[in-house]
Amino acid sequence: MTQCDLILVGGGLANGLIAWRLRQRQPQLKLLLLEAGAAPGGNHTWSFHEQDLTPAQHAWVAPLVAHRWPGYDVRFPALTRRFDGGYLSITSARFALEITQALGDSLRTQTPVSALTPQTVTLADGTVLRAGAVIDGRGYQLGEHLTIGSQAFLGQQWRLSQPHGLTRPLLMDATVDQSAGYRFVYTLPLSADSLLIEDTHYIDRATLSDDQARQHIADYAAAQGWALETLEREEQGNLPITLAGDCRAFWRQKAGQPCSGLRAGLFHSTTGYSLPQAAALADLIADQRDLSSGALFALTRDYVQQQWRRQRFFRVLNRMLFLAGRPDRRWQVMQRFYRLNPGLIARFYAGQLTLADKARILTGKPPVPVGEALQAVLKHTPRLRAFSDE
């Protein structure tokens, strides 16, 4: 057996940030980050708004940031709008480079895990590793205590044969076909002649067709006049969008196992963005002197439950988006939202809405039928009726 202070299972965003921050704050710790793949971070792009992090968090996250822009644009059938305020992205390539250099021998890649407990990890080859605590950060796990929708996407990074002309991200272009539910194209200008283009759908289940999404991207690029030349990378994902659930039961089922990131249910309920909460949890753990499994379980559980309570309003909005009105009209909910005050929108992304913000979002002419909206809010559907939405 190998003895460590802390073992982090899963080398994704959340555990990578925890390891990175602990190296800065408690370099004497003997920690180990285990990743089943060839490199930490996998194949992802993590984006966030400048207001999502505190100045102190920006300072320690900065080396991981590969791209930043002064704002972003949105497009809807009856609205085109530009928003100021920084927008930043971390690429898996930059993430892997920095985390690998920072951790050295404390990182093991291509190391699949067959089982774990709060204090032990059993590798696929039968080796048992022991630590004061084990944090499970292996991504979202379906369970009986949360009801979710999905933000399913497929993205392609293209080199173009000529400059594309974009100077800032196009966060949502919902002028595309909406017949299957809320859909938009998300585009990041990575350089003058390269783009990340994602076909994104808010759907009940993760059923996005890869081939259909690729065709959507090709058609969209052609409509924009972009001459796609070389496909450099492709990524895909299904971000959970929470509709309702029982957070206490969710954590009782963990049976004392500390968790992080999506595994812990740490993400923005409506956008699926996970980096701000991952950074906040990394700070909490890095400040913790007691890194025993019991202390870390209590810390992660209490933080997640606090965030769950703070995001109740977002789950209400999600039920309105997914359960009220015709699927091909759901874009109207988002178009109305993006007409609101820029400060409110920034606070929405940061998960920091005020009571006045919430009232403003719900007042005015509703973009979905009132009766259906009320039914969605009150959870009058078979698959939500069992949940108290604690």
Protein backbone atom coordinates (compact mmCIF):
# COMPACT_ATOMS: atom_id res chain seq x y z
CA MET A 1 0.00 0.00 0.00
CA THR A 2 1.05 3.61 -0.70
CA GLN A 3 0.31 6.22 1.98
CA CYS A 4 -0.65 9.77 0.93
CA ASP A 5 -2.27 12.73 2.64
CA LEU A 6 -4.79 13.08 -0.18
CA ILE A 7 -5.66 11.17 -3.36
CA LEU A 8 -7.72 12.87 -6.05
CA VAL A 9 -9.42 10.37 -8.37
CA GLY A 10 -10.16 11.86 -11.78
CA GLY A 11 -7.95 14.49 -13.36
CA GLY A 12 -10.69 16.76 -14.66
CA LEU A 13 -11.29 20.43 -13.96
CA ALA A 14 -12.42 20.21 -10.32
CA ASN A 15 -9.71 17.88 -9.02
CA GLY A 16 -7.08 19.58 -11.17
CA LEU A 17 -7.92 22.94 -9.58
CA ILE A 18 -7.86 21.40 -6.09
CA ALA A 19 -4.41 19.91 -6.72
CA TRP A 20 -3.16 23.15 -8.30
CA ARG A 21 -4.38 25.26 -5.37
CA LEU A 22 -3.04 22.86 -2.73
CA ARG A 23 0.39 22.98 -4.38
CA GLN A 24 0.30 26.74 -3.92
CA ARG A 25 -1.12 26.85 -0.39
CA GLN A 26 0.13 23.62 1.22
CA PRO A 27 3.16 22.44 -0.81
CA GLN A 28 4.29 20.07 1.95
CA LEU A 29 1.30 17.79 1.43
CA LYS A 30 1.82 14.39 -0.14
CA LEU A 31 -0.96 14.31 -2.69
CA LEU A 32 -1.64 12.16 -5.72
CA LEU A 33 -3.84 12.93 -8.73
CA LEU A 34 -4.99 9.86 -10.69
CA GLU A 35 -6.25 10.19 -14.27
CA ALA A 36 -7.46 7.29 -16.41
CA GLY A 37 -6.65 9.08 -19.66
CA ALA A 38 -3.40 10.15 -21.27
CA ALA A 39 -3.43 13.64 -19.75
CA PRO A 40 -5.37 15.61 -17.13
CA GLY A 41 -8.27 17.66 -18.41
CA GLY A 42 -9.39 15.33 -21.15
CA ASN A 43 -10.72 17.10 -24.25
CA HIS A 44 -12.67 20.14 -23.11
CA THR A 45 -12.98 23.91 -23.16
CA TRP A 46 -14.11 25.56 -19.93
CA SER A 47 -15.37 29.13 -20.21
CA PHE A 48 -16.52 31.67 -17.65
CA HIS A 49 -17.40 35.32 -17.21
CA GLU A 50 -15.03 37.72 -15.48
CA GLN A 51 -17.57 38.47 -12.76
CA ASP A 52 -17.91 34.75 -11.95
CA LEU A 53 -14.62 34.78 -9.97
CA THR A 54 -13.24 37.05 -7.27
CA PRO A 55 -10.06 39.07 -7.98
CA ALA A 56 -8.10 36.66 -5.77
CA GLN A 57 -9.41 33.67 -7.73
CA HIS A 58 -8.55 35.34 -11.03
CA ALA A 59 -4.97 35.75 -9.80
CA TRP A 60 -4.37 32.05 -9.17
CA VAL A 61 -6.43 30.78 -12.11
CA ALA A 62 -4.75 33.15 -14.61
CA PRO A 63 -1.92 30.81 -15.75
CA LEU A 64 -4.54 28.29 -16.90
CA VAL A 65 -6.43 30.78 -19.09
CA ALA A 66 -5.72 30.37 -22.80
CA HIS A 67 -8.12 32.97 -24.25
CA ARG A 68 -9.86 36.12 -23.06
CA TRP A 69 -12.15 38.62 -24.76
CA PRO A 70 -13.65 41.99 -23.71
CA GLY A 71 -17.26 40.83 -24.11
CA TYR A 72 -19.64 38.68 -26.11
CA ASP A 73 -22.64 38.83 -28.46
CA VAL A 74 -26.00 37.04 -28.65
CA ARG A 75 -28.42 36.63 -31.55
CA PHE A 76 -32.10 35.73 -31.54
CA PRO A 77 -34.82 36.02 -34.19
CA ALA A 78 -35.86 39.46 -32.86
CA LEU A 79 -32.76 40.52 -30.93
CA THR A 80 -29.05 41.03 -31.54
CA ARG A 81 -27.12 42.43 -28.61
CA ARG A 82 -23.52 43.07 -27.54
CA PHE A 83 -22.41 42.77 -23.91
CA ASP A 84 -19.25 44.16 -22.36
CA GLY A 85 -17.41 42.35 -19.57
CA GLY A 86 -14.60 39.86 -19.81
CA TYR A 87 -15.17 36.33 -21.08
CA LEU A 88 -12.39 33.76 -20.61
CA SER A 89 -11.64 30.17 -21.63
CA ILE A 90 -9.36 27.44 -20.33
CA THR A 91 -8.43 24.81 -22.90
CA SER A 92 -7.62 21.24 -21.96
CA ALA A 93 -4.22 21.59 -23.66
CA ARG A 94 -3.21 24.56 -21.47
CA PHE A 95 -4.73 22.89 -18.41
CA ALA A 96 -2.79 19.66 -18.99
CA LEU A 97 0.49 21.50 -19.52
CA GLU A 98 0.25 23.59 -16.35
CA ILE A 99 -1.11 20.83 -14.10
CA THR A 100 1.52 18.35 -15.31
CA GLN A 101 4.36 20.79 -14.65
CA ALA A 102 3.01 21.75 -11.23
CA LEU A 103 2.43 18.21 -9.96
CA GLY A 104 5.36 16.29 -11.43
CA ASP A 105 5.46 12.80 -9.89
CA SER A 106 2.26 13.54 -7.98
CA LEU A 107 0.31 13.04 -11.20
CA ARG A 108 -0.30 9.57 -12.63
CA THR A 109 -2.00 9.31 -16.00
CA GLN A 110 -3.34 6.20 -17.74
CA THR A 111 -4.20 4.88 -14.28
CA PRO A 112 -7.77 3.56 -14.25
CA VAL A 113 -9.46 2.98 -10.91
CA SER A 114 -11.74 0.01 -10.20
CA ALA A 115 -12.99 0.99 -6.73
CA LEU A 116 -12.57 3.59 -4.01
CA THR A 117 -13.59 4.35 -0.46
CA PRO A 118 -13.11 7.54 1.59
CA GLN A 119 -9.55 6.39 2.41
CA THR A 120 -8.52 3.82 -0.23
CA VAL A 121 -8.24 3.51 -3.98
CA THR A 122 -8.04 0.19 -5.80
CA LEU A 123 -6.43 0.47 -9.22
CA ALA A 124 -7.48 -1.67 -12.18
CA ASP A 125 -4.35 -3.80 -11.73
CA GLY A 126 -5.31 -4.59 -8.12
CA THR A 127 -2.89 -2.17 -6.44
CA VAL A 128 -4.37 -0.57 -3.31
CA LEU A 129 -3.45 3.01 -2.41
CA ARG A 130 -4.24 4.47 0.99
CA ALA A 131 -4.62 8.09 2.04
CA GLY A 132 -5.99 10.28 4.79
CA ALA A 133 -8.77 11.14 2.34
CA VAL A 134 -9.86 10.32 -1.21
CA ILE A 135 -11.83 12.84 -3.31
CA ASP A 136 -13.93 11.43 -6.15
CA GLY A 137 -13.99 13.83 -9.10
CA ARG A 138 -14.80 11.46 -11.96
CA GLY A 139 -17.61 13.48 -13.52
CA TYR A 140 -21.39 13.49 -13.32
CA GLN A 141 -23.07 10.27 -12.20
CA LEU A 142 -26.75 9.63 -12.86
CA GLY A 143 -28.73 8.94 -9.72
CA GLU A 144 -32.25 8.68 -8.37
CA HIS A 145 -32.18 11.85 -6.29
CA LEU A 146 -31.83 14.48 -9.03
CA THR A 147 -34.05 15.12 -12.03
CA ILE A 148 -32.09 16.73 -14.82
CA GLY A 149 -32.37 17.88 -18.38
CA SER A 150 -29.34 18.08 -20.63
CA GLN A 151 -27.36 20.74 -22.44
CA ALA A 152 -25.96 18.48 -25.13
CA PHE A 153 -23.32 19.80 -27.50
CA LEU A 154 -20.77 18.85 -30.09
CA GLY A 155 -18.00 21.31 -30.90
CA GLN A 156 -15.42 21.43 -33.65
CA GLN A 157 -12.26 23.54 -33.76
CA TRP A 158 -11.57 24.61 -37.35
CA ARG A 159 -8.74 26.34 -39.11
CA LEU A 160 -10.20 28.54 -41.85
CA SER A 161 -8.71 29.36 -45.22
CA GLN A 162 -9.25 33.08 -44.55
CA PRO A 163 -9.98 35.29 -41.52
CA HIS A 164 -13.47 34.94 -40.04
CA GLY A 165 -13.88 38.52 -38.83
CA LEU A 166 -15.17 37.77 -35.30
CA THR A 167 -13.55 39.75 -32.49
CA ARG A 168 -15.51 38.36 -29.54
CA PRO A 169 -17.45 35.17 -28.73
CA LEU A 170 -20.92 34.62 -30.11
CA LEU A 171 -22.32 33.08 -26.95
CA MET A 172 -25.70 32.18 -28.36
CA ASP A 173 -26.96 32.32 -31.93
CA ALA A 174 -30.53 31.07 -31.68
CA THR A 175 -31.50 32.18 -35.19
CA VAL A 176 -31.00 28.53 -36.22
CA ASP A 177 -33.77 25.92 -36.56
CA GLN A 178 -35.72 25.45 -33.30
CA SER A 179 -38.08 22.62 -34.24
CA ALA A 180 -36.60 20.12 -31.75
CA GLY A 181 -36.44 22.43 -28.72
CA TYR A 182 -34.11 25.23 -27.64
CA ARG A 183 -31.00 25.15 -29.80
CA PHE A 184 -28.17 27.61 -30.40
CA VAL A 185 -24.70 27.78 -31.92
CA TYR A 186 -21.82 28.86 -29.65
CA THR A 187 -18.68 30.22 -31.33
CA LEU A 188 -15.30 31.20 -29.89
CA PRO A 189 -12.78 33.09 -32.08
CA LEU A 190 -9.50 31.46 -30.99
CA SER A 191 -7.37 33.38 -33.49
CA ALA A 192 -7.91 35.42 -36.64
CA ASP A 193 -8.43 32.27 -38.71
CA SER A 194 -9.55 29.62 -36.20
CA LEU A 195 -12.88 29.02 -34.49
CA LEU A 196 -14.47 26.67 -32.00
CA ILE A 197 -18.07 26.13 -33.20
CA GLU A 198 -20.51 24.21 -30.99
CA ASP A 199 -23.98 22.98 -31.89
CA THR A 200 -25.88 23.08 -28.56
CA HIS A 201 -29.29 21.75 -27.55
CA TYR A 202 -31.32 21.97 -24.34
CA ILE A 203 -33.10 18.61 -24.41
CA ASP A 204 -34.80 16.26 -21.95
CA ARG A 205 -32.20 13.51 -22.43
CA ALA A 206 -28.70 13.32 -23.89
CA THR A 207 -29.80 12.12 -27.33
CA LEU A 208 -27.93 14.48 -29.64
CA SER A 209 -26.87 12.82 -32.90
CA ASP A 210 -23.15 13.40 -33.53
CA ASP A 211 -23.53 13.23 -37.30
CA GLN A 212 -26.46 15.63 -37.26
CA ALA A 213 -24.52 18.08 -35.08
CA ARG A 214 -21.54 17.94 -37.47
CA GLN A 215 -23.85 18.72 -40.36
CA HIS A 216 -25.39 21.59 -38.41
CA ILE A 217 -21.90 23.06 -37.87
CA ALA A 218 -21.02 22.73 -41.56
CA ASP A 219 -24.29 24.36 -42.60
CA TYR A 220 -23.91 27.15 -40.07
CA ALA A 221 -20.34 27.92 -41.15
CA ALA A 222 -21.43 28.05 -44.79
CA ALA A 223 -24.26 30.45 -43.90
CA GLN A 224 -21.76 32.74 -42.12
CA GLY A 225 -19.41 32.68 -45.11
CA TRP A 226 -16.65 30.89 -43.20
CA ALA A 227 -14.39 28.73 -45.36
CA LEU A 228 -13.60 25.69 -43.20
CA GLU A 229 -10.25 24.19 -44.12
CA THR A 230 -8.76 21.92 -41.42
CA LEU A 231 -10.56 20.21 -38.55
CA GLU A 232 -8.14 20.47 -35.61
CA ARG A 233 -10.18 19.04 -32.76
CA GLU A 234 -13.64 17.83 -31.81
CA GLU A 235 -15.23 17.76 -28.37
CA GLN A 236 -18.63 16.82 -27.08
CA GLY A 237 -20.48 16.75 -23.82
CA ASN A 238 -23.76 16.63 -21.94
CA LEU A 239 -23.97 19.20 -19.17
CA PRO A 240 -26.59 18.42 -16.52
CA ILE A 241 -29.33 21.03 -16.09
CA THR A 242 -31.10 20.53 -12.77
CA LEU A 243 -34.91 20.63 -12.65
CA ALA A 244 -35.52 19.35 -9.11
CA GLY A 245 -34.15 16.96 -6.54
CA ASP A 246 -33.41 16.00 -2.97
CA CYS A 247 -29.93 17.25 -2.14
CA ARG A 248 -29.86 15.72 1.32
CA ALA A 249 -30.68 12.27 -0.02
CA PHE A 250 -28.08 12.80 -2.77
CA TRP A 251 -25.40 13.28 -0.10
CA ARG A 252 -26.65 10.52 2.19
CA GLN A 253 -26.08 8.16 -0.70
CA LYS A 254 -22.42 9.26 -0.84
CA ALA A 255 -21.94 7.45 2.49
CA GLY A 256 -19.04 9.61 3.64
CA GLN A 257 -17.25 9.81 0.28
CA PRO A 258 -15.84 13.32 -0.43
CA CYS A 259 -16.62 14.43 -3.98
CA SER A 260 -15.87 17.37 -6.24
CA GLY A 261 -17.08 18.96 -9.45
CA LEU A 262 -19.98 17.42 -11.35
CA ARG A 263 -19.67 14.31 -9.18
CA ALA A 264 -20.68 16.48 -6.24
CA GLY A 265 -23.44 18.24 -8.18
CA LEU A 266 -21.39 21.45 -8.34
CA PHE A 267 -22.46 23.39 -11.42
CA HIS A 268 -24.71 26.29 -12.35
CA SER A 269 -28.19 24.78 -12.52
CA THR A 270 -29.19 26.63 -15.69
CA THR A 271 -26.01 27.19 -17.70
CA GLY A 272 -24.12 24.04 -16.67
CA TYR A 273 -20.95 26.13 -16.13
CA SER A 274 -18.84 24.46 -13.44
CA LEU A 275 -15.57 26.41 -13.23
CA PRO A 276 -16.64 29.12 -10.72
CA GLN A 277 -17.86 26.59 -8.17
CA ALA A 278 -14.85 24.35 -8.80
CA ALA A 279 -12.52 27.28 -8.07
CA ALA A 280 -14.45 28.16 -4.90
CA LEU A 281 -14.26 24.58 -3.64
CA ALA A 282 -10.53 24.45 -4.41
CA ASP A 283 -10.04 27.55 -2.26
CA LEU A 284 -12.06 26.04 0.58
CA ILE A 285 -10.05 22.82 0.55
CA ALA A 286 -6.70 24.62 0.24
CA ASP A 287 -7.53 26.61 3.38
CA GLN A 288 -8.47 23.45 5.28
CA ARG A 289 -5.91 22.15 7.79
CA ASP A 290 -7.84 19.00 8.62
CA LEU A 291 -7.76 16.97 5.42
CA SER A 292 -9.17 13.79 6.91
CA SER A 293 -11.91 12.03 4.96
CA GLY A 294 -14.55 12.98 7.52
CA ALA A 295 -13.60 16.65 7.50
CA LEU A 296 -13.49 16.82 3.71
CA PHE A 297 -16.81 15.01 3.37
CA ALA A 298 -18.47 17.50 5.71
CA LEU A 299 -16.83 20.43 3.91
CA THR A 300 -17.85 19.35 0.41
CA ARG A 301 -21.35 18.28 1.48
CA ASP A 302 -22.04 21.54 3.32
CA TYR A 303 -20.73 23.68 0.47
CA VAL A 304 -22.83 21.84 -2.12
CA GLN A 305 -25.96 22.07 0.04
CA GLN A 306 -25.37 25.80 0.46
CA GLN A 307 -25.10 26.21 -3.31
CA TRP A 308 -28.20 24.06 -3.78
CA ARG A 309 -30.25 26.41 -1.62
CA ARG A 310 -28.88 29.45 -3.43
CA GLN A 311 -29.87 28.02 -6.82
CA ARG A 312 -33.48 27.14 -6.11
CA PHE A 313 -34.68 30.01 -8.30
CA PHE A 314 -32.61 28.71 -11.21
CA ARG A 315 -34.30 25.31 -10.97
CA VAL A 316 -37.67 27.08 -11.17
CA LEU A 317 -36.55 28.78 -14.38
CA ASN A 318 -35.31 25.46 -15.75
CA ARG A 319 -38.70 23.85 -15.23
CA MET A 320 -40.30 26.73 -17.09
CA LEU A 321 -37.83 26.29 -19.96
CA PHE A 322 -38.12 22.52 -20.22
CA LEU A 323 -41.72 21.88 -19.20
CA ALA A 324 -43.78 24.90 -20.26
CA GLY A 325 -44.85 25.89 -23.74
CA ARG A 326 -44.11 24.34 -27.13
CA PRO A 327 -40.53 23.10 -27.63
CA ASP A 328 -40.13 25.15 -30.81
CA ARG A 329 -40.98 28.34 -28.88
CA ARG A 330 -38.59 27.88 -25.95
CA TRP A 331 -36.13 30.29 -27.54
CA GLN A 332 -38.54 33.08 -26.64
CA VAL A 333 -37.72 32.57 -22.94
CA MET A 334 -34.03 33.23 -23.61
CA GLN A 335 -34.67 36.09 -26.03
CA ARG A 336 -36.73 37.88 -23.38
CA PHE A 337 -34.02 37.25 -20.78
CA TYR A 338 -31.30 38.83 -22.92
CA ARG A 339 -33.30 42.04 -23.19
CA LEU A 340 -32.79 42.63 -19.46
CA ASN A 341 -30.22 44.85 -17.74
CA PRO A 342 -26.59 43.78 -18.40
CA GLY A 343 -25.81 43.86 -14.67
CA LEU A 344 -28.66 41.46 -13.95
CA ILE A 345 -27.45 39.12 -16.69
CA ALA A 346 -23.92 39.16 -15.27
CA ARG A 347 -25.27 38.35 -11.81
CA PHE A 348 -27.34 35.53 -13.32
CA TYR A 349 -24.25 33.85 -14.75
CA ALA A 350 -22.39 34.35 -11.47
CA GLY A 351 -25.29 32.85 -9.50
CA GLN A 352 -25.64 36.05 -7.48
CA LEU A 353 -29.17 37.24 -8.26
CA THR A 354 -30.78 39.70 -5.86
CA LEU A 355 -34.45 39.59 -4.87
CA ALA A 356 -35.05 42.51 -7.20
CA ASP A 357 -33.36 40.61 -10.04
CA LYS A 358 -35.62 37.60 -9.49
CA ALA A 359 -38.70 39.78 -9.46
CA ARG A 360 -37.61 41.48 -12.69
CA ILE A 361 -37.06 38.15 -14.45
CA LEU A 362 -40.57 36.98 -13.56
CA THR A 363 -42.47 40.22 -14.24
CA GLY A 364 -43.83 41.42 -17.55
CA LYS A 365 -45.45 39.47 -20.37
CA PRO A 366 -44.41 35.82 -19.98
CA PRO A 367 -42.84 34.11 -23.01
CA VAL A 368 -44.69 30.86 -22.22
CA PRO A 369 -48.39 30.27 -21.39
CA VAL A 370 -49.15 31.33 -17.81
CA GLY A 371 -50.97 28.14 -16.89
CA GLU A 372 -48.21 25.88 -18.18
CA ALA A 373 -45.57 28.03 -16.48
CA LEU A 374 -47.33 27.70 -13.12
CA GLN A 375 -47.64 23.94 -13.53
CA ALA A 376 -43.92 23.72 -14.29
CA VAL A 377 -42.99 25.84 -11.28
CA LEU A 378 -45.17 23.73 -8.97
CA LYS A 379 -43.74 20.48 -10.37
CA HIS A 380 -47.09 19.10 -11.55
CA THR A 381 -45.47 16.41 -13.69
CA PRO A 382 -45.08 12.72 -12.88
CA ARG A 383 -41.29 12.68 -12.96
CA LEU A 384 -40.95 15.65 -10.59
CA ARG A 385 -43.81 14.96 -8.17
CA ALA A 386 -41.70 12.81 -5.84
CA PHE A 387 -39.14 15.53 -5.14
CA SER A 388 -39.30 18.16 -2.46
CA ASP A 389 -36.62 20.28 -4.16
CA GLU A 390 -34.92 20.85 -0.79
